[in-house]
Amino acid sequence: MLFFAISGAWQAFRLQETRKDGSYTAPAALARLSEVHKAERLSGPAGTLFRAGQLVVAVMFATTAVIGVVMAFRVARPAWVVWACLVAGTALPVLIAVAARAR
């Protein structure tokens, strides 16, 4: 999960892609490590195994998030703080995406 989070972060800034105008040359390591996010290139047993691994990671991540929310409600007082964090964590990314599209 940590690898996908970190590699996804550098991909958000396209650090794995060399720019056509030559203003940036991507390090070979970043380009190579980023290929795992492109599972459509994998076929046969390797592709199936990779997709199964992605599914396991996704389920583990979702399970961890749900456990964290449950723990927050059991430990945090008052509960409105947890609700505020959940609402903000949902609304802020949506608002940022909407604002980015409006440009």
C-alpha atoms as a PDB file:
ATOM      1  CA  MET A   1       0.000   0.000   0.000  1.00  0.00           C
ATOM      2  CA  LEU A   2       2.807   2.349   0.864  1.00  0.00           C
ATOM      3  CA  PHE A   3       4.489   1.792  -2.510  1.00  0.00           C
ATOM      4  CA  PHE A   4       1.284   2.578  -4.396  1.00  0.00           C
ATOM      5  CA  ALA A   5       0.726   5.699  -2.283  1.00  0.00           C
ATOM      6  CA  ILE A   6       4.240   7.024  -2.855  1.00  0.00           C
ATOM      7  CA  SER A   7       4.406   6.139  -6.538  1.00  0.00           C
ATOM      8  CA  GLY A   8       0.931   7.591  -7.034  1.00  0.00           C
ATOM      9  CA  ALA A   9       2.159  10.834  -5.462  1.00  0.00           C
ATOM     10  CA  TRP A  10       5.027  11.246  -7.924  1.00  0.00           C
ATOM     11  CA  GLN A  11       2.664  10.346 -10.744  1.00  0.00           C
ATOM     12  CA  ALA A  12       0.340  13.158  -9.689  1.00  0.00           C
ATOM     13  CA  PHE A  13       3.137  15.502 -10.756  1.00  0.00           C
ATOM     14  CA  ARG A  14       4.086  13.301 -13.757  1.00  0.00           C
ATOM     15  CA  LEU A  15       7.644  12.930 -12.483  1.00  0.00           C
ATOM     16  CA  GLN A  16       7.882   9.572 -14.282  1.00  0.00           C
ATOM     17  CA  GLU A  17       7.365  11.181 -17.724  1.00  0.00           C
ATOM     18  CA  THR A  18      10.079  12.920 -19.721  1.00  0.00           C
ATOM     19  CA  ARG A  19       8.782  16.161 -21.223  1.00  0.00           C
ATOM     20  CA  LYS A  20       8.771  16.422 -25.001  1.00  0.00           C
ATOM     21  CA  ASP A  21      10.314  19.886 -24.931  1.00  0.00           C
ATOM     22  CA  GLY A  22      13.354  18.513 -23.079  1.00  0.00           C
ATOM     23  CA  SER A  23      12.809  20.672 -19.995  1.00  0.00           C
ATOM     24  CA  TYR A  24      12.651  17.597 -17.759  1.00  0.00           C
ATOM     25  CA  THR A  25      14.126  14.127 -18.044  1.00  0.00           C
ATOM     26  CA  ALA A  26      12.476  11.544 -15.823  1.00  0.00           C
ATOM     27  CA  PRO A  27      14.784   9.364 -13.743  1.00  0.00           C
ATOM     28  CA  ALA A  28      14.837   5.835 -15.144  1.00  0.00           C
ATOM     29  CA  ALA A  29      13.918   4.386 -11.742  1.00  0.00           C
ATOM     30  CA  LEU A  30      10.719   6.448 -11.508  1.00  0.00           C
ATOM     31  CA  ALA A  31       9.707   5.559 -15.045  1.00  0.00           C
ATOM     32  CA  ARG A  32      10.308   1.850 -14.439  1.00  0.00           C
ATOM     33  CA  LEU A  33       8.580   1.735 -11.054  1.00  0.00           C
ATOM     34  CA  SER A  34       5.576   3.589 -12.474  1.00  0.00           C
ATOM     35  CA  GLU A  35       4.911   0.827 -14.977  1.00  0.00           C
ATOM     36  CA  VAL A  36       3.251  -1.303 -12.303  1.00  0.00           C
ATOM     37  CA  HIS A  37       0.337   1.136 -12.281  1.00  0.00           C
ATOM     38  CA  LYS A  38      -0.330   0.267 -15.915  1.00  0.00           C
ATOM     39  CA  ALA A  39      -1.746  -3.221 -15.427  1.00  0.00           C
ATOM     40  CA  GLU A  40      -3.420  -3.146 -18.840  1.00  0.00           C
ATOM     41  CA  ARG A  41      -0.012  -3.977 -20.308  1.00  0.00           C
ATOM     42  CA  LEU A  42       0.120  -7.216 -18.356  1.00  0.00           C
ATOM     43  CA  SER A  43      -1.627 -10.230 -19.791  1.00  0.00           C
ATOM     44  CA  GLY A  44      -2.023 -13.893 -18.984  1.00  0.00           C
ATOM     45  CA  PRO A  45      -1.221 -15.257 -15.521  1.00  0.00           C
ATOM     46  CA  ALA A  46       1.027 -12.293 -14.636  1.00  0.00           C
ATOM     47  CA  GLY A  47      -1.781  -9.823 -15.325  1.00  0.00           C
ATOM     48  CA  THR A  48      -4.312 -11.861 -13.388  1.00  0.00           C
ATOM     49  CA  LEU A  49      -1.956 -12.213 -10.433  1.00  0.00           C
ATOM     50  CA  PHE A  50      -1.180  -8.491 -10.464  1.00  0.00           C
ATOM     51  CA  ARG A  51      -4.866  -7.534 -10.563  1.00  0.00           C
ATOM     52  CA  ALA A  52      -5.573  -9.958  -7.703  1.00  0.00           C
ATOM     53  CA  GLY A  53      -2.790  -8.293  -5.714  1.00  0.00           C
ATOM     54  CA  GLN A  54      -4.287  -4.877  -6.425  1.00  0.00           C
ATOM     55  CA  LEU A  55      -7.643  -6.106  -5.184  1.00  0.00           C
ATOM     56  CA  VAL A  56      -6.108  -7.432  -1.963  1.00  0.00           C
ATOM     57  CA  VAL A  57      -4.342  -4.118  -1.363  1.00  0.00           C
ATOM     58  CA  ALA A  58      -7.571  -2.181  -2.008  1.00  0.00           C
ATOM     59  CA  VAL A  59      -9.567  -4.360   0.381  1.00  0.00           C
ATOM     60  CA  MET A  60      -6.869  -4.034   3.056  1.00  0.00           C
ATOM     61  CA  PHE A  61      -6.811  -0.264   2.641  1.00  0.00           C
ATOM     62  CA  ALA A  62     -10.599   0.029   2.844  1.00  0.00           C
ATOM     63  CA  THR A  63     -10.718  -2.265   5.880  1.00  0.00           C
ATOM     64  CA  THR A  64      -8.043  -0.220   7.628  1.00  0.00           C
ATOM     65  CA  ALA A  65      -9.945   2.991   6.899  1.00  0.00           C
ATOM     66  CA  VAL A  66     -13.196   1.589   8.278  1.00  0.00           C
ATOM     67  CA  ILE A  67     -11.438   0.334  11.419  1.00  0.00           C
ATOM     68  CA  GLY A  68      -9.904   3.802  11.850  1.00  0.00           C
ATOM     69  CA  VAL A  69     -13.305   5.467  11.614  1.00  0.00           C
ATOM     70  CA  VAL A  70     -14.815   3.023  14.117  1.00  0.00           C
ATOM     71  CA  MET A  71     -11.906   3.625  16.494  1.00  0.00           C
ATOM     72  CA  ALA A  72     -12.301   7.387  16.110  1.00  0.00           C
ATOM     73  CA  PHE A  73     -15.958   7.216  17.141  1.00  0.00           C
ATOM     74  CA  ARG A  74     -15.123   5.043  20.142  1.00  0.00           C
ATOM     75  CA  VAL A  75     -12.217   7.168  21.379  1.00  0.00           C
ATOM     76  CA  ALA A  76     -12.860  10.768  20.326  1.00  0.00           C
ATOM     77  CA  ARG A  77     -15.141  12.930  22.371  1.00  0.00           C
ATOM     78  CA  PRO A  78     -17.154  14.801  21.279  1.00  0.00           C
ATOM     79  CA  ALA A  79     -18.274  12.749  18.278  1.00  0.00           C
ATOM     80  CA  TRP A  80     -18.995  15.850  16.185  1.00  0.00           C
ATOM     81  CA  VAL A  81     -15.226  16.253  15.703  1.00  0.00           C
ATOM     82  CA  VAL A  82     -15.100  12.878  13.977  1.00  0.00           C
ATOM     83  CA  TRP A  83     -18.096  13.797  11.845  1.00  0.00           C
ATOM     84  CA  ALA A  84     -16.489  17.129  10.942  1.00  0.00           C
ATOM     85  CA  CYS A  85     -13.301  15.369   9.857  1.00  0.00           C
ATOM     86  CA  LEU A  86     -15.261  12.856   7.770  1.00  0.00           C
ATOM     87  CA  VAL A  87     -17.280  15.591   6.082  1.00  0.00           C
ATOM     88  CA  ALA A  88     -14.194  17.716   5.438  1.00  0.00           C
ATOM     89  CA  GLY A  89     -12.249  14.707   4.141  1.00  0.00           C
ATOM     90  CA  THR A  90     -15.043  14.004   1.687  1.00  0.00           C
ATOM     91  CA  ALA A  91     -16.075  17.523   0.730  1.00  0.00           C
ATOM     92  CA  LEU A  92     -12.652  19.128   0.294  1.00  0.00           C
ATOM     93  CA  PRO A  93     -11.402  16.747  -2.441  1.00  0.00           C
ATOM     94  CA  VAL A  94     -14.736  17.121  -4.267  1.00  0.00           C
ATOM     95  CA  LEU A  95     -14.569  20.921  -4.048  1.00  0.00           C
ATOM     96  CA  ILE A  96     -10.962  20.941  -5.247  1.00  0.00           C
ATOM     97  CA  ALA A  97     -11.848  18.688  -8.211  1.00  0.00           C
ATOM     98  CA  VAL A  98     -14.812  20.895  -9.118  1.00  0.00           C
ATOM     99  CA  ALA A  99     -12.682  24.042  -8.849  1.00  0.00           C
ATOM    100  CA  ALA A 100      -9.961  22.486 -10.983  1.00  0.00           C
ATOM    101  CA  ARG A 101     -12.456  21.586 -13.726  1.00  0.00           C
ATOM    102  CA  ALA A 102     -13.955  25.073 -13.667  1.00  0.00           C
ATOM    103  CA  ARG A 103     -10.645  26.605 -14.753  1.00  0.00           C
END
